[in-house]
C-alpha cells in the first residue's frame, strides 16, 4: 500500500524542459486519448484497473475526477486495442497520478509519458516520494531532472 504524502521532506521534485520530449511514437495497437469530463465510464475503468493491481488509500474516485475536470485538469488514457492500459493527470504543467498497468510491454510507460508531455507542450514538473526509487529512475530515464 502506498502512503499519502503530505510531508514535503518526503518528496523529490523533478522538472523537464519541453524540448526533452520528442515527437511521439507508439507501437502498433497503442493509442492515447484525452478524457472528456463527461466520459466518467472511462474514468471508472482507470480506477478499476489501478485498484485491481494496487491498494492505495489516496486513490481518486469519480467524484474527485469530476472536481479535477472542473478545475480544468487534463486526463490522458493509454489504450491497447481499446482496453485501458494506463492514465495520467495534469494540472497545467504539473504531472500527477501517472499509472501504467503491469500488463504493459517494455517501453510503453516511457512512450506514454513522452507522448502526453509532448502534447501538453510545456515544461513539466512532478514529484516522486523519496522511497519510490523505481518511479525516480523512470522519470529520470524519460528526461526529468531533480530540482
Protein backbone atom coordinates (compact mmCIF):
# COMPACT_ATOMS: atom_id res chain seq x y z
CA UNK A 1 0.00 0.00 0.00
CA UNK A 2 1.27 3.49 -0.87
CA UNK A 3 1.10 6.15 1.87
CA UNK A 4 -0.46 9.56 1.41
CA UNK A 5 2.34 12.11 1.26
CA UNK A 6 1.74 15.44 2.90
CA UNK A 7 5.25 15.91 4.32
CA UNK A 8 7.28 17.98 1.79
CA UNK A 9 10.53 16.48 3.11
CA UNK A 10 9.42 13.10 1.70
CA UNK A 11 9.08 14.42 -1.86
CA UNK A 12 11.69 14.72 -4.61
CA UNK A 13 10.71 17.31 -7.20
CA UNK A 14 11.54 17.00 -10.89
CA UNK A 15 11.29 19.21 -13.94
CA UNK A 16 11.73 18.60 -17.64
CA UNK A 17 12.08 21.24 -20.31
CA UNK A 18 9.51 20.82 -23.08
CA UNK A 19 12.34 20.28 -25.61
CA UNK A 20 13.19 16.99 -23.87
CA UNK A 21 10.06 15.38 -25.28
CA UNK A 22 10.37 14.09 -28.83
CA UNK A 23 7.70 13.73 -31.49
CA UNK A 24 5.71 10.85 -30.08
CA UNK A 25 5.64 7.37 -31.49
CA UNK A 26 3.70 4.45 -30.09
CA UNK A 27 3.87 0.80 -31.00
CA UNK A 28 1.01 -0.63 -33.10
CA UNK A 29 -2.28 -1.17 -31.23
CA UNK A 30 -1.47 1.59 -28.67
CA UNK A 31 -3.39 4.84 -28.60
CA UNK A 32 -3.55 7.86 -26.30
CA UNK A 33 -6.86 9.57 -25.70
CA UNK A 34 -7.62 12.75 -23.80
CA UNK A 35 -10.54 12.02 -21.49
CA UNK A 36 -13.50 14.34 -21.72
CA UNK A 37 -15.25 15.44 -18.49
CA UNK A 38 -18.44 13.61 -19.44
CA UNK A 39 -16.65 10.29 -20.09
CA UNK A 40 -16.90 9.10 -16.50
CA UNK A 41 -17.26 5.48 -17.62
CA UNK A 42 -13.68 5.68 -18.93
CA UNK A 43 -12.52 7.29 -15.67
CA UNK A 44 -14.10 4.41 -13.76
CA UNK A 45 -12.25 1.90 -15.97
CA UNK A 46 -8.98 3.61 -15.00
CA UNK A 47 -9.88 3.47 -11.31
CA UNK A 48 -10.83 -0.21 -11.58
CA UNK A 49 -7.58 -1.06 -13.37
CA UNK A 50 -5.49 0.69 -10.72
CA UNK A 51 -7.42 -0.93 -7.85
CA UNK A 52 -7.00 -4.37 -9.43
CA UNK A 53 -3.22 -4.02 -9.14
CA UNK A 54 -2.52 -1.66 -6.23
CA UNK A 55 -4.06 -0.86 -2.86
CA UNK A 56 -3.67 2.82 -2.03
CA UNK A 57 -5.75 4.88 0.37
CA UNK A 58 -5.20 8.03 -1.70
CA UNK A 59 -6.74 6.71 -4.92
CA UNK A 60 -9.13 9.16 -6.55
CA UNK A 61 -12.76 8.28 -7.27
CA UNK A 62 -15.23 9.52 -9.89
CA UNK A 63 -16.35 12.43 -7.69
CA UNK A 64 -12.75 13.58 -7.29
CA UNK A 65 -12.27 13.24 -11.06
CA UNK A 66 -15.30 15.50 -11.66
CA UNK A 67 -13.74 18.07 -9.34
CA UNK A 68 -10.43 17.84 -11.21
CA UNK A 69 -12.16 18.37 -14.56
CA UNK A 70 -13.99 21.40 -13.12
CA UNK A 71 -10.55 22.84 -12.27
CA UNK A 72 -9.52 22.28 -15.92
CA UNK A 73 -7.16 19.42 -15.13
CA UNK A 74 -6.46 17.13 -18.08
CA UNK A 75 -6.56 13.35 -18.05
CA UNK A 76 -4.99 11.16 -20.70
CA UNK A 77 -5.51 7.43 -21.09
CA UNK A 78 -3.23 4.88 -22.71
CA UNK A 79 -5.16 2.17 -24.52
CA UNK A 80 -4.12 -1.06 -26.16
CA UNK A 81 -6.66 -2.46 -28.62
CA UNK A 82 -9.20 -0.10 -27.00
CA UNK A 83 -8.56 -1.50 -23.49
CA UNK A 84 -7.27 0.85 -20.77
CA UNK A 85 -3.59 0.26 -20.01
CA UNK A 86 -2.77 3.44 -18.05
CA UNK A 87 -3.56 7.06 -17.34
CA UNK A 88 -2.06 10.34 -16.16
CA UNK A 89 -3.38 13.69 -14.90
CA UNK A 90 -2.10 17.23 -15.49
CA UNK A 91 -2.86 20.38 -13.57
CA UNK A 92 -1.47 22.93 -16.02
CA UNK A 93 2.18 21.79 -16.25
CA UNK A 94 2.12 19.57 -13.13
CA UNK A 95 2.01 15.84 -13.91
CA UNK A 96 0.43 13.65 -11.25
CA UNK A 97 -1.18 10.26 -10.63
CA UNK A 98 0.57 8.52 -13.53
CA UNK A 99 -0.12 4.80 -13.67
CA UNK A 100 0.56 2.16 -16.30
CA UNK A 101 -0.57 -1.42 -15.75
CA UNK A 102 1.87 -4.27 -15.31
CA UNK A 103 0.18 -5.67 -18.45
CA UNK A 104 2.26 -3.18 -20.46
CA UNK A 105 5.11 -4.12 -22.74
CA UNK A 106 8.60 -2.78 -22.00
CA UNK A 107 8.81 0.80 -23.27
CA UNK A 108 5.08 1.56 -23.17
CA UNK A 109 5.31 3.66 -19.99
CA UNK A 110 8.18 5.72 -21.40
CA UNK A 111 6.41 6.26 -24.71
CA UNK A 112 3.16 7.20 -22.97
CA UNK A 113 4.88 9.74 -20.71
CA UNK A 114 6.80 11.23 -23.63
CA UNK A 115 3.62 11.36 -25.74
CA UNK A 116 1.47 13.22 -23.22
CA UNK A 117 4.23 15.60 -22.11
CA UNK A 118 4.97 16.45 -25.75
CA UNK A 119 1.28 17.20 -26.35
CA UNK A 120 0.98 19.34 -23.22
CA UNK A 121 3.78 21.41 -24.79
CA UNK A 122 5.15 22.99 -21.62
CA UNK A 123 7.96 22.44 -19.18
CA UNK A 124 6.61 19.72 -16.90
CA UNK A 125 7.10 19.30 -13.17
CA UNK A 126 6.23 16.45 -10.83
CA UNK A 127 7.34 14.82 -7.63
CA UNK A 128 8.14 11.30 -6.51
CA UNK A 129 8.05 10.04 -2.97
CA UNK A 130 11.62 9.54 -1.70
CA UNK A 131 11.17 5.81 -1.21
CA UNK A 132 9.76 5.34 -4.74
CA UNK A 133 13.14 4.56 -6.30
CA UNK A 134 11.54 2.87 -9.30
CA UNK A 135 9.49 5.99 -10.06
CA UNK A 136 12.53 8.22 -9.71
CA UNK A 137 14.56 6.08 -12.11
CA UNK A 138 11.66 6.03 -14.56
CA UNK A 139 11.19 9.80 -14.69
CA UNK A 140 14.94 10.39 -14.90
CA UNK A 141 15.07 7.98 -17.87
CA UNK A 142 12.29 9.95 -19.57
CA UNK A 143 14.36 13.14 -19.15
CA UNK A 144 13.27 14.73 -15.87
CA UNK A 145 15.89 16.36 -13.66
CA UNK A 146 15.81 16.69 -9.88
CA UNK A 147 15.35 20.25 -8.68
